[in-house]
Amino acid sequence: MKSKPKINIDENRCSQPDKCRKCLQVCQPCVLNLTFIDEDYHKPKNWKIIPAFPQLCLGPECGKCEEVCPKGAIGIEYKSY
């Protein structure tokens, strides 16, 4: 049975994604992406991590992004299908 991940990122905990980027460094399939949410991309508060390609997530056998996050901002739920 395969598992389908639901990736949740708590933006309140992930307050400086532009400086941290640890989850981006460990995610081999590049599921996560650092993007800006406003036209003024020069302000750090306008940056956030998003699960751009959740279908590429390796599932329960990986979980490196959750492990490496210093703020515990990433949570992944796995649903079997």
PDB file of N, CA and C in Angstrom:
ATOM      1  N   MET A   1       0.827  -1.181   0.000  1.00  0.00           N
ATOM      2  CA  MET A   1       0.000   0.000   0.000  1.00  0.00           C
ATOM      3  C   MET A   1       0.880   1.256   0.000  1.00  0.00           C
ATOM      4  N   LYS A   2       0.556   2.181  -0.836  1.00  0.00           N
ATOM      5  CA  LYS A   2       1.300   3.433  -0.893  1.00  0.00           C
ATOM      6  C   LYS A   2       0.731   4.416   0.112  1.00  0.00           C
ATOM      7  N   SER A   3       1.555   5.394   0.490  1.00  0.00           N
ATOM      8  CA  SER A   3       1.062   6.428   1.397  1.00  0.00           C
ATOM      9  C   SER A   3       1.143   7.788   0.714  1.00  0.00           C
ATOM     10  N   LYS A   4       0.129   8.583   0.938  1.00  0.00           N
ATOM     11  CA  LYS A   4       0.055   9.913   0.354  1.00  0.00           C
ATOM     12  C   LYS A   4       0.311  10.922   1.476  1.00  0.00           C
ATOM     13  N   PRO A   5       1.358  11.732   1.353  1.00  0.00           N
ATOM     14  CA  PRO A   5       1.683  12.663   2.428  1.00  0.00           C
ATOM     15  C   PRO A   5       0.871  13.958   2.367  1.00  0.00           C
ATOM     16  N   LYS A   6       0.535  14.456   3.534  1.00  0.00           N
ATOM     17  CA  LYS A   6      -0.022  15.798   3.658  1.00  0.00           C
ATOM     18  C   LYS A   6       1.002  16.571   4.482  1.00  0.00           C
ATOM     19  N   ILE A   7       1.632  17.545   3.859  1.00  0.00           N
ATOM     20  CA  ILE A   7       2.718  18.289   4.489  1.00  0.00           C
ATOM     21  C   ILE A   7       2.179  19.602   5.031  1.00  0.00           C
ATOM     22  N   ASN A   8       2.328  19.774   6.339  1.00  0.00           N
ATOM     23  CA  ASN A   8       1.881  20.995   7.007  1.00  0.00           C
ATOM     24  C   ASN A   8       3.089  21.764   7.507  1.00  0.00           C
ATOM     25  N   ILE A   9       3.111  23.056   7.230  1.00  0.00           N
ATOM     26  CA  ILE A   9       4.197  23.907   7.699  1.00  0.00           C
ATOM     27  C   ILE A   9       3.590  25.041   8.512  1.00  0.00           C
ATOM     28  N   ASP A  10       3.951  25.093   9.787  1.00  0.00           N
ATOM     29  CA  ASP A  10       3.451  26.113  10.700  1.00  0.00           C
ATOM     30  C   ASP A  10       4.243  27.402  10.468  1.00  0.00           C
ATOM     31  N   GLU A  11       3.612  28.359   9.829  1.00  0.00           N
ATOM     32  CA  GLU A  11       4.293  29.614   9.491  1.00  0.00           C
ATOM     33  C   GLU A  11       4.673  30.429  10.720  1.00  0.00           C
ATOM     34  N   ASN A  12       3.976  30.242  11.823  1.00  0.00           N
ATOM     35  CA  ASN A  12       4.328  30.940  13.062  1.00  0.00           C
ATOM     36  C   ASN A  12       5.647  30.432  13.628  1.00  0.00           C
ATOM     37  N   ARG A  13       5.896  29.146  13.473  1.00  0.00           N
ATOM     38  CA  ARG A  13       7.156  28.573  13.941  1.00  0.00           C
ATOM     39  C   ARG A  13       8.280  28.773  12.939  1.00  0.00           C
ATOM     40  N   CYS A  14       7.956  28.699  11.672  1.00  0.00           N
ATOM     41  CA  CYS A  14       8.946  28.884  10.607  1.00  0.00           C
ATOM     42  C   CYS A  14       9.005  30.380  10.289  1.00  0.00           C
ATOM     43  N   SER A  15       9.613  31.120  11.188  1.00  0.00           N
ATOM     44  CA  SER A  15       9.563  32.580  11.103  1.00  0.00           C
ATOM     45  C   SER A  15      10.688  33.193  10.264  1.00  0.00           C
ATOM     46  N   GLN A  16      11.767  32.455  10.026  1.00  0.00           N
ATOM     47  CA  GLN A  16      12.869  32.987   9.227  1.00  0.00           C
ATOM     48  C   GLN A  16      13.349  31.949   8.199  1.00  0.00           C
ATOM     49  N   PRO A  17      12.455  31.542   7.322  1.00  0.00           N
ATOM     50  CA  PRO A  17      12.845  30.499   6.365  1.00  0.00           C
ATOM     51  C   PRO A  17      13.950  30.925   5.415  1.00  0.00           C
ATOM     52  N   ASP A  18      14.053  32.215   5.165  1.00  0.00           N
ATOM     53  CA  ASP A  18      15.093  32.712   4.261  1.00  0.00           C
ATOM     54  C   ASP A  18      16.490  32.533   4.847  1.00  0.00           C
ATOM     55  N   LYS A  19      16.588  32.439   6.177  1.00  0.00           N
ATOM     56  CA  LYS A  19      17.887  32.268   6.828  1.00  0.00           C
ATOM     57  C   LYS A  19      18.176  30.805   7.162  1.00  0.00           C
ATOM     58  N   CYS A  20      17.153  30.056   7.507  1.00  0.00           N
ATOM     59  CA  CYS A  20      17.328  28.675   7.973  1.00  0.00           C
ATOM     60  C   CYS A  20      17.584  27.715   6.808  1.00  0.00           C
ATOM     61  N   ARG A  21      16.573  27.436   6.032  1.00  0.00           N
ATOM     62  CA  ARG A  21      16.642  26.580   4.839  1.00  0.00           C
ATOM     63  C   ARG A  21      17.095  25.145   5.085  1.00  0.00           C
ATOM     64  N   LYS A  22      17.094  24.685   6.331  1.00  0.00           N
ATOM     65  CA  LYS A  22      17.580  23.336   6.630  1.00  0.00           C
ATOM     66  C   LYS A  22      16.737  22.260   5.959  1.00  0.00           C
ATOM     67  N   CYS A  23      15.428  22.456   5.944  1.00  0.00           N
ATOM     68  CA  CYS A  23      14.554  21.462   5.316  1.00  0.00           C
ATOM     69  C   CYS A  23      14.825  21.371   3.812  1.00  0.00           C
ATOM     70  N   LEU A  24      15.138  22.490   3.207  1.00  0.00           N
ATOM     71  CA  LEU A  24      15.436  22.496   1.773  1.00  0.00           C
ATOM     72  C   LEU A  24      16.715  21.734   1.465  1.00  0.00           C
ATOM     73  N   GLN A  25      17.664  21.794   2.389  1.00  0.00           N
ATOM     74  CA  GLN A  25      18.956  21.152   2.178  1.00  0.00           C
ATOM     75  C   GLN A  25      18.893  19.635   2.272  1.00  0.00           C
ATOM     76  N   VAL A  26      17.968  19.105   3.085  1.00  0.00           N
ATOM     77  CA  VAL A  26      17.915  17.651   3.282  1.00  0.00           C
ATOM     78  C   VAL A  26      16.892  16.942   2.403  1.00  0.00           C
ATOM     79  N   CYS A  27      16.011  17.681   1.764  1.00  0.00           N
ATOM     80  CA  CYS A  27      14.961  17.061   0.956  1.00  0.00           C
ATOM     81  C   CYS A  27      15.507  16.721  -0.434  1.00  0.00           C
ATOM     82  N   GLN A  28      15.863  15.449  -0.619  1.00  0.00           N
ATOM     83  CA  GLN A  28      16.461  15.007  -1.883  1.00  0.00           C
ATOM     84  C   GLN A  28      15.536  15.168  -3.087  1.00  0.00           C
ATOM     85  N   PRO A  29      14.226  14.856  -2.982  1.00  0.00           N
ATOM     86  CA  PRO A  29      13.377  15.024  -4.168  1.00  0.00           C
ATOM     87  C   PRO A  29      12.893  16.460  -4.380  1.00  0.00           C
ATOM     88  N   CYS A  30      13.352  17.395  -3.547  1.00  0.00           N
ATOM     89  CA  CYS A  30      13.006  18.815  -3.689  1.00  0.00           C
ATOM     90  C   CYS A  30      11.493  19.058  -3.614  1.00  0.00           C
ATOM     91  N   VAL A  31      10.879  18.499  -2.591  1.00  0.00           N
ATOM     92  CA  VAL A  31       9.442  18.656  -2.371  1.00  0.00           C
ATOM     93  C   VAL A  31       9.123  20.081  -1.926  1.00  0.00           C
ATOM     94  N   LEU A  32       9.985  20.623  -1.078  1.00  0.00           N
ATOM     95  CA  LEU A  32       9.744  21.944  -0.489  1.00  0.00           C
ATOM     96  C   LEU A  32      10.389  23.042  -1.319  1.00  0.00           C
ATOM     97  N   ASN A  33       9.820  24.242  -1.210  1.00  0.00           N
ATOM     98  CA  ASN A  33      10.315  25.374  -1.983  1.00  0.00           C
ATOM     99  C   ASN A  33      10.239  26.629  -1.129  1.00  0.00           C
ATOM    100  N   LEU A  34      11.217  27.488  -1.253  1.00  0.00           N
ATOM    101  CA  LEU A  34      11.212  28.792  -0.594  1.00  0.00           C
ATOM    102  C   LEU A  34      10.671  29.798  -1.600  1.00  0.00           C
ATOM    103  N   THR A  35       9.610  30.473  -1.223  1.00  0.00           N
ATOM    104  CA  THR A  35       8.975  31.411  -2.148  1.00  0.00           C
ATOM    105  C   THR A  35       8.554  32.670  -1.403  1.00  0.00           C
ATOM    106  N   PHE A  36       8.244  33.709  -2.138  1.00  0.00           N
ATOM    107  CA  PHE A  36       7.753  34.931  -1.504  1.00  0.00           C
ATOM    108  C   PHE A  36       6.259  35.036  -1.733  1.00  0.00           C
ATOM    109  N   ILE A  37       5.588  35.657  -0.758  1.00  0.00           N
ATOM    110  CA  ILE A  37       4.127  35.722  -0.790  1.00  0.00           C
ATOM    111  C   ILE A  37       3.603  37.114  -1.107  1.00  0.00           C
ATOM    112  N   ASP A  38       4.494  38.039  -1.373  1.00  0.00           N
ATOM    113  CA  ASP A  38       4.097  39.404  -1.668  1.00  0.00           C
ATOM    114  C   ASP A  38       5.041  39.943  -2.737  1.00  0.00           C
ATOM    115  N   GLU A  39       4.643  41.006  -3.367  1.00  0.00           N
ATOM    116  CA  GLU A  39       5.476  41.597  -4.419  1.00  0.00           C
ATOM    117  C   GLU A  39       6.801  42.128  -3.884  1.00  0.00           C
ATOM    118  N   ASP A  40       6.814  42.550  -2.614  1.00  0.00           N
ATOM    119  CA  ASP A  40       8.052  43.062  -2.029  1.00  0.00           C
ATOM    120  C   ASP A  40       8.846  41.894  -1.442  1.00  0.00           C
ATOM    121  N   TYR A  41       9.626  41.243  -2.284  1.00  0.00           N
ATOM    122  CA  TYR A  41      10.373  40.067  -1.860  1.00  0.00           C
ATOM    123  C   TYR A  41      11.643  40.405  -1.082  1.00  0.00           C
ATOM    124  N   HIS A  42      11.910  41.677  -0.850  1.00  0.00           N
ATOM    125  CA  HIS A  42      13.089  42.081  -0.100  1.00  0.00           C
ATOM    126  C   HIS A  42      12.878  41.958   1.406  1.00  0.00           C
ATOM    127  N   LYS A  43      11.624  41.882   1.845  1.00  0.00           N
ATOM    128  CA  LYS A  43      11.326  41.765   3.273  1.00  0.00           C
ATOM    129  C   LYS A  43      11.255  40.291   3.662  1.00  0.00           C
ATOM    130  N   PRO A  44      12.061  39.879   4.638  1.00  0.00           N
ATOM    131  CA  PRO A  44      12.068  38.473   5.048  1.00  0.00           C
ATOM    132  C   PRO A  44      10.709  37.950   5.505  1.00  0.00           C
ATOM    133  N   LYS A  45       9.870  38.802   6.042  1.00  0.00           N
ATOM    134  CA  LYS A  45       8.558  38.336   6.508  1.00  0.00           C
ATOM    135  C   LYS A  45       7.660  37.893   5.345  1.00  0.00           C
ATOM    136  N   ASN A  46       8.028  38.249   4.126  1.00  0.00           N
ATOM    137  CA  ASN A  46       7.250  37.871   2.954  1.00  0.00           C
ATOM    138  C   ASN A  46       7.686  36.537   2.341  1.00  0.00           C
ATOM    139  N   TRP A  47       8.655  35.863   2.962  1.00  0.00           N
ATOM    140  CA  TRP A  47       9.132  34.577   2.459  1.00  0.00           C
ATOM    141  C   TRP A  47       8.538  33.447   3.281  1.00  0.00           C
ATOM    142  N   LYS A  48       8.281  32.306   2.629  1.00  0.00           N
ATOM    143  CA  LYS A  48       7.819  31.138   3.360  1.00  0.00           C
ATOM    144  C   LYS A  48       8.196  29.867   2.605  1.00  0.00           C
ATOM    145  N   ILE A  49       8.203  28.775   3.352  1.00  0.00           N
ATOM    146  CA  ILE A  49       8.452  27.453   2.782  1.00  0.00           C
ATOM    147  C   ILE A  49       7.093  26.851   2.435  1.00  0.00           C
ATOM    148  N   ILE A  50       6.995  26.300   1.236  1.00  0.00           N
ATOM    149  CA  ILE A  50       5.740  25.655   0.831  1.00  0.00           C
ATOM    150  C   ILE A  50       6.043  24.249   0.297  1.00  0.00           C
ATOM    151  N   PRO A  51       5.095  23.329   0.441  1.00  0.00           N
ATOM    152  CA  PRO A  51       5.263  22.010  -0.182  1.00  0.00           C
ATOM    153  C   PRO A  51       4.854  22.092  -1.653  1.00  0.00           C
ATOM    154  N   ALA A  52       5.786  22.452  -2.490  1.00  0.00           N
ATOM    155  CA  ALA A  52       5.497  22.682  -3.903  1.00  0.00           C
ATOM    156  C   ALA A  52       5.195  21.393  -4.668  1.00  0.00           C
ATOM    157  N   PHE A  53       5.843  20.313  -4.300  1.00  0.00           N
ATOM    158  CA  PHE A  53       5.676  19.040  -5.004  1.00  0.00           C
ATOM    159  C   PHE A  53       5.453  17.895  -4.015  1.00  0.00           C
ATOM    160  N   PRO A  54       4.350  17.909  -3.276  1.00  0.00           N
ATOM    161  CA  PRO A  54       4.127  16.873  -2.257  1.00  0.00           C
ATOM    162  C   PRO A  54       4.058  15.462  -2.838  1.00  0.00           C
ATOM    163  N   GLN A  55       3.693  15.331  -4.089  1.00  0.00           N
ATOM    164  CA  GLN A  55       3.609  14.015  -4.712  1.00  0.00           C
ATOM    165  C   GLN A  55       4.975  13.341  -4.832  1.00  0.00           C
ATOM    166  N   LEU A  56       6.049  14.112  -4.702  1.00  0.00           N
ATOM    167  CA  LEU A  56       7.398  13.557  -4.774  1.00  0.00           C
ATOM    168  C   LEU A  56       7.937  13.106  -3.418  1.00  0.00           C
ATOM    169  N   CYS A  57       7.203  13.395  -2.353  1.00  0.00           N
ATOM    170  CA  CYS A  57       7.637  13.058  -0.996  1.00  0.00           C
ATOM    171  C   CYS A  57       7.854  11.549  -0.885  1.00  0.00           C
ATOM    172  N   LEU A  58       8.947  11.155  -0.267  1.00  0.00           N
ATOM    173  CA  LEU A  58       9.291   9.747  -0.136  1.00  0.00           C
ATOM    174  C   LEU A  58       8.496   9.043   0.954  1.00  0.00           C
ATOM    175  N   GLY A  59       7.748   9.793   1.708  1.00  0.00           N
ATOM    176  CA  GLY A  59       6.863   9.191   2.704  1.00  0.00           C
ATOM    177  C   GLY A  59       7.540   8.837   4.004  1.00  0.00           C
ATOM    178  N   PRO A  60       6.949   7.898   4.737  1.00  0.00           N
ATOM    179  CA  PRO A  60       7.423   7.568   6.085  1.00  0.00           C
ATOM    180  C   PRO A  60       8.862   7.073   6.148  1.00  0.00           C
ATOM    181  N   GLU A  61       9.382   6.544   5.046  1.00  0.00           N
ATOM    182  CA  GLU A  61      10.758   6.055   5.080  1.00  0.00           C
ATOM    183  C   GLU A  61      11.788   7.184   5.069  1.00  0.00           C
ATOM    184  N   CYS A  62      11.373   8.411   4.913  1.00  0.00           N
ATOM    185  CA  CYS A  62      12.303   9.550   4.922  1.00  0.00           C
ATOM    186  C   CYS A  62      12.081  10.406   6.171  1.00  0.00           C
ATOM    187  N   GLY A  63      11.287  11.454   6.075  1.00  0.00           N
ATOM    188  CA  GLY A  63      11.004  12.324   7.215  1.00  0.00           C
ATOM    189  C   GLY A  63      12.149  13.216   7.643  1.00  0.00           C
ATOM    190  N   LYS A  64      13.152  13.377   6.790  1.00  0.00           N
ATOM    191  CA  LYS A  64      14.322  14.181   7.156  1.00  0.00           C
ATOM    192  C   LYS A  64      13.968  15.641   7.414  1.00  0.00           C
ATOM    193  N   CYS A  65      13.013  16.173   6.665  1.00  0.00           N
ATOM    194  CA  CYS A  65      12.649  17.583   6.839  1.00  0.00           C
ATOM    195  C   CYS A  65      12.073  17.822   8.241  1.00  0.00           C
ATOM    196  N   GLU A  66      11.272  16.878   8.717  1.00  0.00           N
ATOM    197  CA  GLU A  66      10.715  16.987  10.070  1.00  0.00           C
ATOM    198  C   GLU A  66      11.820  16.911  11.119  1.00  0.00           C
ATOM    199  N   GLU A  67      12.753  16.000  10.928  1.00  0.00           N
ATOM    200  CA  GLU A  67      13.841  15.790  11.882  1.00  0.00           C
ATOM    201  C   GLU A  67      14.767  16.996  11.995  1.00  0.00           C
ATOM    202  N   VAL A  68      15.058  17.628  10.887  1.00  0.00           N
ATOM    203  CA  VAL A  68      16.068  18.691  10.860  1.00  0.00           C
ATOM    204  C   VAL A  68      15.507  20.067  11.240  1.00  0.00           C
ATOM    205  N   CYS A  69      14.194  20.248  11.209  1.00  0.00           N
ATOM    206  CA  CYS A  69      13.603  21.555  11.497  1.00  0.00           C
ATOM    207  C   CYS A  69      13.832  21.935  12.961  1.00  0.00           C
ATOM    208  N   PRO A  70      14.587  23.005  13.208  1.00  0.00           N
ATOM    209  CA  PRO A  70      14.902  23.387  14.585  1.00  0.00           C
ATOM    210  C   PRO A  70      13.699  23.929  15.361  1.00  0.00           C
ATOM    211  N   LYS A  71      12.674  24.324  14.677  1.00  0.00           N
ATOM    212  CA  LYS A  71      11.490  24.896  15.320  1.00  0.00           C
ATOM    213  C   LYS A  71      10.316  23.922  15.387  1.00  0.00           C
ATOM    214  N   GLY A  72      10.467  22.742  14.806  1.00  0.00           N
ATOM    215  CA  GLY A  72       9.370  21.774  14.783  1.00  0.00           C
ATOM    216  C   GLY A  72       8.183  22.271  13.979  1.00  0.00           C
ATOM    217  N   ALA A  73       8.472  23.007  12.917  1.00  0.00           N
ATOM    218  CA  ALA A  73       7.420  23.650  12.123  1.00  0.00           C
ATOM    219  C   ALA A  73       6.824  22.746  11.054  1.00  0.00           C
ATOM    220  N   ILE A  74       7.476  21.611  10.771  1.00  0.00           N
ATOM    221  CA  ILE A  74       7.001  20.735   9.701  1.00  0.00           C
ATOM    222  C   ILE A  74       6.356  19.495  10.296  1.00  0.00           C
ATOM    223  N   GLY A  75       5.164  19.211   9.828  1.00  0.00           N
ATOM    224  CA  GLY A  75       4.464  18.001  10.229  1.00  0.00           C
ATOM    225  C   GLY A  75       3.944  17.302   8.997  1.00  0.00           C
ATOM    226  N   ILE A  76       4.157  16.000   8.936  1.00  0.00           N
ATOM    227  CA  ILE A  76       3.691  15.240   7.778  1.00  0.00           C
ATOM    228  C   ILE A  76       2.754  14.142   8.249  1.00  0.00           C
ATOM    229  N   GLU A  77       1.596  14.121   7.639  1.00  0.00           N
ATOM    230  CA  GLU A  77       0.609  13.063   7.893  1.00  0.00           C
ATOM    231  C   GLU A  77       0.618  12.150   6.682  1.00  0.00           C
ATOM    232  N   TYR A  78       0.596  10.850   6.929  1.00  0.00           N
ATOM    233  CA  TYR A  78       0.610   9.883   5.845  1.00  0.00           C
ATOM    234  C   TYR A  78      -0.722   9.151   5.815  1.00  0.00           C
ATOM    235  N   LYS A  79      -1.352   9.148   4.673  1.00  0.00           N
ATOM    236  CA  LYS A  79      -2.618   8.450   4.492  1.00  0.00           C
ATOM    237  C   LYS A  79      -2.420   7.386   3.428  1.00  0.00           C
ATOM    238  N   SER A  80      -2.791   6.174   3.770  1.00  0.00           N
ATOM    239  CA  SER A  80      -2.646   5.065   2.815  1.00  0.00           C
ATOM    240  C   SER A  80      -3.783   5.089   1.805  1.00  0.00           C
ATOM    241  N   TYR A  81      -3.444   4.675   0.599  1.00  0.00           N
ATOM    242  CA  TYR A  81      -4.451   4.552  -0.464  1.00  0.00           C
ATOM    243  C   TYR A  81      -4.171   3.340  -1.299  1.00  0.00           C
TER     244      TYR A  81
END
